[in-house]
Amino acid sequence: MHSRLTVVLGIGLGMAVAGCATSTEWQEWRDHTTHFASGQHGVFSLRNNRDGSNPRVSRVDIAAA
């Protein structure tokens, strides 16, 4: 029973560690903490629906692109 628990915990720990980012990947994430490139990009993305079936694009958006 004790060895079974050790095996299960070992597998669980191995899976948890395997899903972690490397220190280089964490540094890259810390350097770029936002999903959007700019405030304009964020407003544009939040204004439009997720599947893109009804986009709302203005002339200002086109000029900014």
Protein backbone atom coordinates (compact mmCIF):
# COMPACT_ATOMS: atom_id res chain seq x y z
CA MET A 1 0.00 0.00 0.00
CA HIS A 2 2.80 2.42 0.92
CA SER A 3 4.72 1.71 -2.30
CA ARG A 4 1.56 2.29 -4.38
CA LEU A 5 1.08 5.70 -2.80
CA THR A 6 4.72 6.55 -3.47
CA VAL A 7 4.35 5.59 -7.13
CA VAL A 8 1.15 7.62 -7.54
CA LEU A 9 2.68 10.65 -5.83
CA GLY A 10 5.84 10.30 -7.93
CA ILE A 11 3.83 10.21 -11.15
CA GLY A 12 1.75 13.19 -10.04
CA LEU A 13 4.85 15.18 -9.13
CA GLY A 14 6.49 14.29 -12.44
CA MET A 15 3.43 15.46 -14.39
CA ALA A 16 3.28 18.71 -12.42
CA VAL A 17 6.95 19.48 -12.99
CA ALA A 18 6.78 18.58 -16.68
CA GLY A 19 4.10 21.24 -17.22
CA CYS A 20 6.22 24.05 -15.79
CA ALA A 21 7.91 26.71 -17.89
CA THR A 22 11.66 27.10 -17.99
CA SER A 23 13.31 30.15 -16.45
CA THR A 24 13.84 31.57 -19.96
CA GLU A 25 10.15 31.14 -20.77
CA TRP A 26 9.13 32.81 -17.48
CA GLN A 27 11.43 35.76 -18.24
CA GLU A 28 9.87 36.14 -21.69
CA TRP A 29 6.40 36.15 -20.11
CA ARG A 30 7.46 38.73 -17.50
CA ASP A 31 8.81 41.00 -20.26
CA HIS A 32 5.49 40.85 -22.17
CA THR A 33 2.72 40.72 -19.59
CA THR A 34 -0.10 42.03 -21.78
CA HIS A 35 -2.00 40.14 -24.44
CA PHE A 36 -2.65 43.23 -26.55
CA ALA A 37 0.02 45.20 -28.41
CA SER A 38 -1.58 48.56 -27.52
CA GLY A 39 -4.66 50.11 -25.98
CA GLN A 40 -6.15 50.55 -29.46
CA HIS A 41 -5.63 46.86 -30.14
CA GLY A 42 -7.36 45.95 -26.86
CA VAL A 43 -10.38 48.18 -27.54
CA PHE A 44 -10.70 46.85 -31.09
CA SER A 45 -10.51 43.23 -29.95
CA LEU A 46 -12.98 43.68 -27.10
CA ARG A 47 -15.42 45.61 -29.32
CA ASN A 48 -15.68 42.74 -31.84
CA ASN A 49 -17.25 39.39 -31.10
CA ARG A 50 -15.08 36.34 -30.62
CA ASP A 51 -15.97 34.33 -33.73
CA GLY A 52 -15.66 37.30 -36.13
CA SER A 53 -19.12 36.85 -37.62
CA ASN A 54 -20.10 40.51 -37.01
CA PRO A 55 -16.96 42.66 -37.14
CA ARG A 56 -17.20 46.38 -36.36
CA VAL A 57 -14.39 48.09 -38.26
CA SER A 58 -14.29 51.85 -38.77
CA ARG A 59 -12.22 53.98 -41.15
CA VAL A 60 -10.12 54.99 -38.13
CA ASP A 61 -9.37 51.30 -37.48
CA ILE A 62 -8.32 50.81 -41.09
CA ALA A 63 -6.09 53.88 -41.00
CA ALA A 64 -4.50 52.75 -37.73
CA ALA A 65 -3.79 49.31 -39.18
